[in-house]
PDB file of all heavy atoms in Angstrom:
ATOM      1  N   PRO A   1       7.510 -16.068  -2.011  1.00  0.00           N
ATOM      2  CA  PRO A   1       6.459 -16.159  -0.989  1.00  0.00           C
ATOM      3  C   PRO A   1       5.387 -15.077  -1.111  1.00  0.00           C
ATOM      4  O   PRO A   1       4.229 -15.313  -0.785  1.00  0.00           O
ATOM      5  CB  PRO A   1       7.222 -15.997   0.325  1.00  0.00           C
ATOM      6  CG  PRO A   1       8.627 -16.352   0.011  1.00  0.00           C
ATOM      7  CD  PRO A   1       8.844 -15.999  -1.433  1.00  0.00           C
ATOM      8  N   ASN A   2       5.763 -13.911  -1.602  1.00  0.00           N
ATOM      9  CA  ASN A   2       4.795 -12.817  -1.740  1.00  0.00           C
ATOM     10  C   ASN A   2       4.406 -12.586  -3.201  1.00  0.00           C
ATOM     11  O   ASN A   2       4.027 -11.487  -3.586  1.00  0.00           O
ATOM     12  CB  ASN A   2       5.326 -11.544  -1.094  1.00  0.00           C
ATOM     13  CG  ASN A   2       6.753 -11.226  -1.472  1.00  0.00           C
ATOM     14  OD1 ASN A   2       7.392 -11.965  -2.208  1.00  0.00           O
ATOM     15  ND2 ASN A   2       7.272 -10.136  -0.965  1.00  0.00           N
ATOM     16  N   ASP A   3       4.467 -13.642  -3.979  1.00  0.00           N
ATOM     17  CA  ASP A   3       4.018 -13.591  -5.369  1.00  0.00           C
ATOM     18  C   ASP A   3       2.582 -13.068  -5.391  1.00  0.00           C
ATOM     19  O   ASP A   3       1.763 -13.474  -4.568  1.00  0.00           O
ATOM     20  CB  ASP A   3       4.084 -15.001  -5.965  1.00  0.00           C
ATOM     21  CG  ASP A   3       3.791 -15.022  -7.454  1.00  0.00           C
ATOM     22  OD1 ASP A   3       2.643 -14.712  -7.841  1.00  0.00           O
ATOM     23  OD2 ASP A   3       4.693 -15.381  -8.220  1.00  0.00           O
ATOM     24  N   PRO A   4       2.257 -12.172  -6.300  1.00  0.00           N
ATOM     25  CA  PRO A   4       0.903 -11.599  -6.327  1.00  0.00           C
ATOM     26  C   PRO A   4      -0.204 -12.622  -6.607  1.00  0.00           C
ATOM     27  O   PRO A   4      -1.371 -12.349  -6.362  1.00  0.00           O
ATOM     28  CB  PRO A   4       0.965 -10.545  -7.432  1.00  0.00           C
ATOM     29  CG  PRO A   4       2.229 -10.729  -8.148  1.00  0.00           C
ATOM     30  CD  PRO A   4       3.134 -11.558  -7.299  1.00  0.00           C
ATOM     31  N   ARG A   5       0.157 -13.814  -7.069  1.00  0.00           N
ATOM     32  CA  ARG A   5      -0.842 -14.869  -7.307  1.00  0.00           C
ATOM     33  C   ARG A   5      -1.146 -15.656  -6.034  1.00  0.00           C
ATOM     34  O   ARG A   5      -2.072 -16.447  -6.005  1.00  0.00           O
ATOM     35  CB  ARG A   5      -0.334 -15.842  -8.379  1.00  0.00           C
ATOM     36  CG  ARG A   5      -0.129 -15.183  -9.730  1.00  0.00           C
ATOM     37  CD  ARG A   5       0.642 -16.066 -10.663  1.00  0.00           C
ATOM     38  NE  ARG A   5       2.047 -16.097 -10.243  1.00  0.00           N
ATOM     39  CZ  ARG A   5       3.031 -16.655 -10.932  1.00  0.00           C
ATOM     40  NH1 ARG A   5       2.779 -17.250 -12.086  1.00  0.00           N
ATOM     41  NH2 ARG A   5       4.269 -16.649 -10.494  1.00  0.00           N
ATOM     42  N   GLY A   6      -0.321 -15.460  -4.976  1.00  0.00           N
ATOM     43  CA  GLY A   6      -0.404 -16.259  -3.762  1.00  0.00           C
ATOM     44  C   GLY A   6       0.685 -17.315  -3.806  1.00  0.00           C
ATOM     45  O   GLY A   6       1.355 -17.491  -4.819  1.00  0.00           O
ATOM     46  N   SER A   7       0.911 -17.994  -2.682  1.00  0.00           N
ATOM     47  CA  SER A   7       1.949 -19.028  -2.647  1.00  0.00           C
ATOM     48  C   SER A   7       1.659 -20.023  -1.534  1.00  0.00           C
ATOM     49  O   SER A   7       0.744 -19.829  -0.738  1.00  0.00           O
ATOM     50  CB  SER A   7       3.331 -18.401  -2.454  1.00  0.00           C
ATOM     51  OG  SER A   7       3.557 -18.097  -1.097  1.00  0.00           O
ATOM     52  N   THR A   8       2.476 -21.062  -1.469  1.00  0.00           N
ATOM     53  CA  THR A   8       2.350 -22.036  -0.387  1.00  0.00           C
ATOM     54  C   THR A   8       3.349 -21.769   0.725  1.00  0.00           C
ATOM     55  O   THR A   8       3.474 -22.560   1.642  1.00  0.00           O
ATOM     56  CB  THR A   8       2.544 -23.474  -0.918  1.00  0.00           C
ATOM     57  OG1 THR A   8       3.827 -23.562  -1.543  1.00  0.00           O
ATOM     58  CG2 THR A   8       1.451 -23.852  -1.909  1.00  0.00           C
ATOM     59  N   SER A   9       4.053 -20.667   0.643  1.00  0.00           N
ATOM     60  CA  SER A   9       5.015 -20.297   1.688  1.00  0.00           C
ATOM     61  C   SER A   9       4.293 -19.753   2.905  1.00  0.00           C
ATOM     62  O   SER A   9       3.254 -19.103   2.793  1.00  0.00           O
ATOM     63  CB  SER A   9       5.985 -19.242   1.168  1.00  0.00           C
ATOM     64  OG  SER A   9       6.732 -19.749   0.095  1.00  0.00           O
ATOM     65  N   ARG A  10       4.877 -20.003   4.051  1.00  0.00           N
ATOM     66  CA  ARG A  10       4.297 -19.516   5.305  1.00  0.00           C
ATOM     67  C   ARG A  10       5.108 -18.369   5.904  1.00  0.00           C
ATOM     68  O   ARG A  10       4.722 -17.803   6.915  1.00  0.00           O
ATOM     69  CB  ARG A  10       4.178 -20.649   6.297  1.00  0.00           C
ATOM     70  CG  ARG A  10       3.234 -21.735   5.785  1.00  0.00           C
ATOM     71  CD  ARG A  10       2.584 -22.458   6.920  1.00  0.00           C
ATOM     72  NE  ARG A  10       1.736 -23.537   6.453  1.00  0.00           N
ATOM     73  CZ  ARG A  10       0.427 -23.438   6.353  1.00  0.00           C
ATOM     74  NH1 ARG A  10      -0.183 -22.324   6.650  1.00  0.00           N
ATOM     75  NH2 ARG A  10      -0.282 -24.461   5.927  1.00  0.00           N
ATOM     76  N   SER A  11       6.232 -18.043   5.275  1.00  0.00           N
ATOM     77  CA  SER A  11       7.048 -16.927   5.765  1.00  0.00           C
ATOM     78  C   SER A  11       7.896 -16.365   4.635  1.00  0.00           C
ATOM     79  O   SER A  11       8.129 -17.034   3.629  1.00  0.00           O
ATOM     80  CB  SER A  11       7.943 -17.381   6.922  1.00  0.00           C
ATOM     81  OG  SER A  11       8.889 -18.318   6.459  1.00  0.00           O
ATOM     82  N   ILE A  12       8.348 -15.135   4.842  1.00  0.00           N
ATOM     83  CA  ILE A  12       9.289 -14.485   3.932  1.00  0.00           C
ATOM     84  C   ILE A  12      10.571 -14.323   4.735  1.00  0.00           C
ATOM     85  O   ILE A  12      10.601 -13.607   5.734  1.00  0.00           O
ATOM     86  CB  ILE A  12       8.777 -13.108   3.460  1.00  0.00           C
ATOM     87  CG1 ILE A  12       7.418 -13.253   2.779  1.00  0.00           C
ATOM     88  CG2 ILE A  12       9.789 -12.462   2.516  1.00  0.00           C
ATOM     89  CD1 ILE A  12       6.758 -11.920   2.437  1.00  0.00           C
ATOM     90  N   ARG A  13      11.640 -15.004   4.320  1.00  0.00           N
ATOM     91  CA  ARG A  13      12.878 -15.014   5.096  1.00  0.00           C
ATOM     92  C   ARG A  13      13.814 -13.860   4.776  1.00  0.00           C
ATOM     93  O   ARG A  13      14.734 -13.605   5.517  1.00  0.00           O
ATOM     94  CB  ARG A  13      13.603 -16.336   4.892  1.00  0.00           C
ATOM     95  CG  ARG A  13      12.855 -17.494   5.499  1.00  0.00           C
ATOM     96  CD  ARG A  13      13.660 -18.756   5.385  1.00  0.00           C
ATOM     97  NE  ARG A  13      12.827 -19.761   4.748  1.00  0.00           N
ATOM     98  CZ  ARG A  13      13.261 -20.805   4.100  1.00  0.00           C
ATOM     99  NH1 ARG A  13      14.530 -21.006   3.966  1.00  0.00           N
ATOM    100  NH2 ARG A  13      12.425 -21.652   3.565  1.00  0.00           N
ATOM    101  N   SER A  14      13.600 -13.190   3.685  1.00  0.00           N
ATOM    102  CA  SER A  14      14.494 -12.103   3.272  1.00  0.00           C
ATOM    103  C   SER A  14      13.830 -10.753   3.506  1.00  0.00           C
ATOM    104  O   SER A  14      12.722 -10.503   3.032  1.00  0.00           O
ATOM    105  CB  SER A  14      14.834 -12.267   1.791  1.00  0.00           C
ATOM    106  OG  SER A  14      15.383 -11.080   1.273  1.00  0.00           O
ATOM    107  N   ASP A  15      14.530  -9.881   4.228  1.00  0.00           N
ATOM    108  CA  ASP A  15      14.000  -8.537   4.461  1.00  0.00           C
ATOM    109  C   ASP A  15      13.823  -7.774   3.146  1.00  0.00           C
ATOM    110  O   ASP A  15      12.881  -7.005   2.991  1.00  0.00           O
ATOM    111  CB  ASP A  15      14.913  -7.751   5.406  1.00  0.00           C
ATOM    112  CG  ASP A  15      14.849  -8.264   6.840  1.00  0.00           C
ATOM    113  OD1 ASP A  15      13.833  -8.903   7.196  1.00  0.00           O
ATOM    114  OD2 ASP A  15      15.819  -8.047   7.591  1.00  0.00           O
ATOM    115  N   LEU A  16      14.737  -7.995   2.199  1.00  0.00           N
ATOM    116  CA  LEU A  16      14.607  -7.329   0.896  1.00  0.00           C
ATOM    117  C   LEU A  16      13.340  -7.768   0.176  1.00  0.00           C
ATOM    118  O   LEU A  16      12.635  -6.956  -0.422  1.00  0.00           O
ATOM    119  CB  LEU A  16      15.828  -7.626   0.019  1.00  0.00           C
ATOM    120  CG  LEU A  16      17.117  -6.910   0.381  1.00  0.00           C
ATOM    121  CD1 LEU A  16      18.261  -7.408  -0.474  1.00  0.00           C
ATOM    122  CD2 LEU A  16      16.957  -5.402   0.235  1.00  0.00           C
ATOM    123  N   LEU A  17      13.032  -9.055   0.245  1.00  0.00           N
ATOM    124  CA  LEU A  17      11.819  -9.556  -0.415  1.00  0.00           C
ATOM    125  C   LEU A  17      10.560  -9.063   0.296  1.00  0.00           C
ATOM    126  O   LEU A  17       9.535  -8.844  -0.349  1.00  0.00           O
ATOM    127  CB  LEU A  17      11.825 -11.082  -0.481  1.00  0.00           C
ATOM    128  CG  LEU A  17      12.834 -11.707  -1.426  1.00  0.00           C
ATOM    129  CD1 LEU A  17      12.743 -13.223  -1.366  1.00  0.00           C
ATOM    130  CD2 LEU A  17      12.658 -11.209  -2.849  1.00  0.00           C
ATOM    131  N   LYS A  18      10.619  -8.873   1.604  1.00  0.00           N
ATOM    132  CA  LYS A  18       9.458  -8.381   2.352  1.00  0.00           C
ATOM    133  C   LYS A  18       8.987  -7.036   1.819  1.00  0.00           C
ATOM    134  O   LYS A  18       7.804  -6.728   1.860  1.00  0.00           O
ATOM    135  CB  LYS A  18       9.783  -8.259   3.841  1.00  0.00           C
ATOM    136  CG  LYS A  18       9.825  -9.576   4.558  1.00  0.00           C
ATOM    137  CD  LYS A  18      10.153  -9.388   6.027  1.00  0.00           C
ATOM    138  CE  LYS A  18      10.286 -10.742   6.706  1.00  0.00           C
ATOM    139  NZ  LYS A  18      10.691 -10.621   8.105  1.00  0.00           N
ATOM    140  N   GLU A  19       9.923  -6.251   1.297  1.00  0.00           N
ATOM    141  CA  GLU A  19       9.577  -4.931   0.760  1.00  0.00           C
ATOM    142  C   GLU A  19       8.730  -5.008  -0.513  1.00  0.00           C
ATOM    143  O   GLU A  19       8.111  -4.031  -0.904  1.00  0.00           O
ATOM    144  CB  GLU A  19      10.854  -4.133   0.487  1.00  0.00           C
ATOM    145  CG  GLU A  19      11.631  -3.811   1.749  1.00  0.00           C
ATOM    146  CD  GLU A  19      12.952  -3.112   1.463  1.00  0.00           C
ATOM    147  OE1 GLU A  19      13.119  -2.566   0.346  1.00  0.00           O
ATOM    148  OE2 GLU A  19      13.805  -3.102   2.362  1.00  0.00           O
ATOM    149  N   LEU A  20       8.689  -6.182  -1.156  1.00  0.00           N
ATOM    150  CA  LEU A  20       7.934  -6.339  -2.399  1.00  0.00           C
ATOM    151  C   LEU A  20       6.437  -6.535  -2.169  1.00  0.00           C
ATOM    152  O   LEU A  20       5.652  -6.417  -3.100  1.00  0.00           O
ATOM    153  CB  LEU A  20       8.464  -7.524  -3.196  1.00  0.00           C
ATOM    154  CG  LEU A  20       9.888  -7.406  -3.712  1.00  0.00           C
ATOM    155  CD1 LEU A  20      10.311  -8.701  -4.386  1.00  0.00           C
ATOM    156  CD2 LEU A  20      10.019  -6.232  -4.670  1.00  0.00           C
ATOM    157  N   GLY A  21       6.054  -6.866  -0.941  1.00  0.00           N
ATOM    158  CA  GLY A  21       4.634  -7.071  -0.674  1.00  0.00           C
ATOM    159  C   GLY A  21       4.422  -8.095   0.419  1.00  0.00           C
ATOM    160  O   GLY A  21       5.344  -8.775   0.858  1.00  0.00           O
ATOM    161  N   GLU A  22       3.174  -8.207   0.827  1.00  0.00           N
ATOM    162  CA  GLU A  22       2.813  -9.102   1.923  1.00  0.00           C
ATOM    163  C   GLU A  22       2.687 -10.540   1.454  1.00  0.00           C
ATOM    164  O   GLU A  22       2.408 -10.812   0.286  1.00  0.00           O
ATOM    165  CB  GLU A  22       1.485  -8.649   2.514  1.00  0.00           C
ATOM    166  CG  GLU A  22       1.543  -7.240   3.042  1.00  0.00           C
ATOM    167  CD  GLU A  22       0.757  -7.067   4.312  1.00  0.00           C
ATOM    168  OE1 GLU A  22       0.146  -8.032   4.779  1.00  0.00           O
ATOM    169  OE2 GLU A  22       0.774  -5.951   4.822  1.00  0.00           O
ATOM    170  N   LEU A  23       2.861 -11.432   2.404  1.00  0.00           N
ATOM    171  CA  LEU A  23       2.675 -12.850   2.165  1.00  0.00           C
ATOM    172  C   LEU A  23       1.177 -13.132   2.015  1.00  0.00           C
ATOM    173  O   LEU A  23       0.367 -12.591   2.760  1.00  0.00           O
ATOM    174  CB  LEU A  23       3.234 -13.636   3.357  1.00  0.00           C
ATOM    175  CG  LEU A  23       3.056 -15.142   3.336  1.00  0.00           C
ATOM    176  CD1 LEU A  23       4.010 -15.752   2.315  1.00  0.00           C
ATOM    177  CD2 LEU A  23       3.356 -15.713   4.707  1.00  0.00           C
ATOM    178  N   HIS A  24       0.838 -13.938   1.027  1.00  0.00           N
ATOM    179  CA  HIS A  24      -0.549 -14.409   0.890  1.00  0.00           C
ATOM    180  C   HIS A  24      -0.489 -15.908   0.740  1.00  0.00           C
ATOM    181  O   HIS A  24      -0.063 -16.414  -0.308  1.00  0.00           O
ATOM    182  CB  HIS A  24      -1.250 -13.783  -0.315  1.00  0.00           C
ATOM    183  CG  HIS A  24      -2.643 -14.284  -0.477  1.00  0.00           C
ATOM    184  ND1 HIS A  24      -3.711 -13.732   0.185  1.00  0.00           N
ATOM    185  CD2 HIS A  24      -3.147 -15.303  -1.198  1.00  0.00           C
ATOM    186  CE1 HIS A  24      -4.813 -14.395  -0.126  1.00  0.00           C
ATOM    187  NE2 HIS A  24      -4.487 -15.363  -0.971  1.00  0.00           N
ATOM    188  N   TYR A  25      -0.881 -16.638   1.798  1.00  0.00           N
ATOM    189  CA  TYR A  25      -0.831 -18.093   1.745  1.00  0.00           C
ATOM    190  C   TYR A  25      -2.004 -18.615   0.920  1.00  0.00           C
ATOM    191  O   TYR A  25      -3.145 -18.232   1.122  1.00  0.00           O
ATOM    192  CB  TYR A  25      -0.875 -18.691   3.153  1.00  0.00           C
ATOM    193  CG  TYR A  25      -0.800 -20.195   3.136  1.00  0.00           C
ATOM    194  CD1 TYR A  25       0.411 -20.833   2.903  1.00  0.00           C
ATOM    195  CD2 TYR A  25      -1.937 -20.965   3.294  1.00  0.00           C
ATOM    196  CE1 TYR A  25       0.490 -22.214   2.849  1.00  0.00           C
ATOM    197  CE2 TYR A  25      -1.871 -22.348   3.241  1.00  0.00           C
ATOM    198  CZ  TYR A  25      -0.660 -22.957   3.017  1.00  0.00           C
ATOM    199  OH  TYR A  25      -0.591 -24.329   2.961  1.00  0.00           O
ATOM    200  N   GLY A  26      -1.699 -19.479  -0.017  1.00  0.00           N
ATOM    201  CA  GLY A  26      -2.721 -20.059  -0.879  1.00  0.00           C
ATOM    202  C   GLY A  26      -2.877 -19.266  -2.164  1.00  0.00           C
ATOM    203  O   GLY A  26      -2.402 -18.152  -2.294  1.00  0.00           O
ATOM    204  N   ARG A  27      -3.532 -19.866  -3.086  1.00  0.00           N
ATOM    205  CA  ARG A  27      -3.765 -19.232  -4.386  1.00  0.00           C
ATOM    206  C   ARG A  27      -4.862 -18.184  -4.230  1.00  0.00           C
ATOM    207  O   ARG A  27      -5.918 -18.465  -3.665  1.00  0.00           O
ATOM    208  CB  ARG A  27      -4.209 -20.331  -5.367  1.00  0.00           C
ATOM    209  CG  ARG A  27      -4.309 -19.912  -6.762  1.00  0.00           C
ATOM    210  CD  ARG A  27      -3.001 -20.099  -7.463  1.00  0.00           C
ATOM    211  NE  ARG A  27      -3.243 -19.922  -8.900  1.00  0.00           N
ATOM    212  CZ  ARG A  27      -2.326 -20.023  -9.781  1.00  0.00           C
ATOM    213  NH1 ARG A  27      -1.113 -20.310  -9.435  1.00  0.00           N
ATOM    214  NH2 ARG A  27      -2.599 -19.837 -11.038  1.00  0.00           N
ATOM    215  N   LYS A  28      -4.629 -16.980  -4.728  1.00  0.00           N
ATOM    216  CA  LYS A  28      -5.641 -15.921  -4.636  1.00  0.00           C
ATOM    217  C   LYS A  28      -6.808 -16.247  -5.554  1.00  0.00           C
ATOM    218  O   LYS A  28      -6.630 -16.759  -6.663  1.00  0.00           O
ATOM    219  CB  LYS A  28      -5.033 -14.577  -5.019  1.00  0.00           C
ATOM    220  CG  LYS A  28      -4.093 -14.028  -3.973  1.00  0.00           C
ATOM    221  CD  LYS A  28      -3.638 -12.634  -4.350  1.00  0.00           C
ATOM    222  CE  LYS A  28      -2.766 -12.034  -3.275  1.00  0.00           C
ATOM    223  NZ  LYS A  28      -2.288 -10.697  -3.659  1.00  0.00           N
ATOM    224  N   ARG A  29      -8.009 -15.949  -5.068  1.00  0.00           N
ATOM    225  CA  ARG A  29      -9.220 -16.212  -5.864  1.00  0.00           C
ATOM    226  C   ARG A  29      -9.219 -15.409  -7.159  1.00  0.00           C
ATOM    227  O   ARG A  29      -9.527 -15.919  -8.222  1.00  0.00           O
ATOM    228  CB  ARG A  29     -10.473 -15.857  -5.058  1.00  0.00           C
ATOM    229  CG  ARG A  29     -10.870 -16.899  -4.070  1.00  0.00           C
ATOM    230  CD  ARG A  29     -12.126 -16.454  -3.343  1.00  0.00           C
ATOM    231  NE  ARG A  29     -13.338 -16.859  -3.994  1.00  0.00           N
ATOM    232  CZ  ARG A  29     -13.969 -17.995  -3.761  1.00  0.00           C
ATOM    233  NH1 ARG A  29     -13.474 -18.844  -2.902  1.00  0.00           N
ATOM    234  NH2 ARG A  29     -15.082 -18.288  -4.383  1.00  0.00           N
ATOM    235  N   VAL A  30      -8.906 -14.135  -7.048  1.00  0.00           N
ATOM    236  CA  VAL A  30      -8.831 -13.264  -8.223  1.00  0.00           C
ATOM    237  C   VAL A  30      -7.354 -13.101  -8.562  1.00  0.00           C
ATOM    238  O   VAL A  30      -6.583 -12.582  -7.760  1.00  0.00           O
ATOM    239  CB  VAL A  30      -9.484 -11.894  -7.946  1.00  0.00           C
ATOM    240  CG1 VAL A  30      -9.329 -10.982  -9.142  1.00  0.00           C
ATOM    241  CG2 VAL A  30     -10.950 -12.073  -7.566  1.00  0.00           C
ATOM    242  N   GLN A  31      -6.995 -13.578  -9.724  1.00  0.00           N
ATOM    243  CA  GLN A  31      -5.594 -13.561 -10.136  1.00  0.00           C
ATOM    244  C   GLN A  31      -5.216 -12.218 -10.758  1.00  0.00           C
ATOM    245  O   GLN A  31      -6.011 -11.608 -11.476  1.00  0.00           O
ATOM    246  CB  GLN A  31      -5.334 -14.687 -11.126  1.00  0.00           C
ATOM    247  CG  GLN A  31      -5.372 -16.061 -10.488  1.00  0.00           C
ATOM    248  CD  GLN A  31      -4.192 -16.265  -9.565  1.00  0.00           C
ATOM    249  OE1 GLN A  31      -3.052 -16.322  -9.999  1.00  0.00           O
ATOM    250  NE2 GLN A  31      -4.475 -16.371  -8.272  1.00  0.00           N
TER     251      GLN A  31
END
């Protein structure tokens, strides 16, 4: 969900994964 390219996820369900970065819904313009 917090892939640096963006994702289609609307939430991050794992607290461990939340530490990797913020959720960005949709594909980021600058990859």
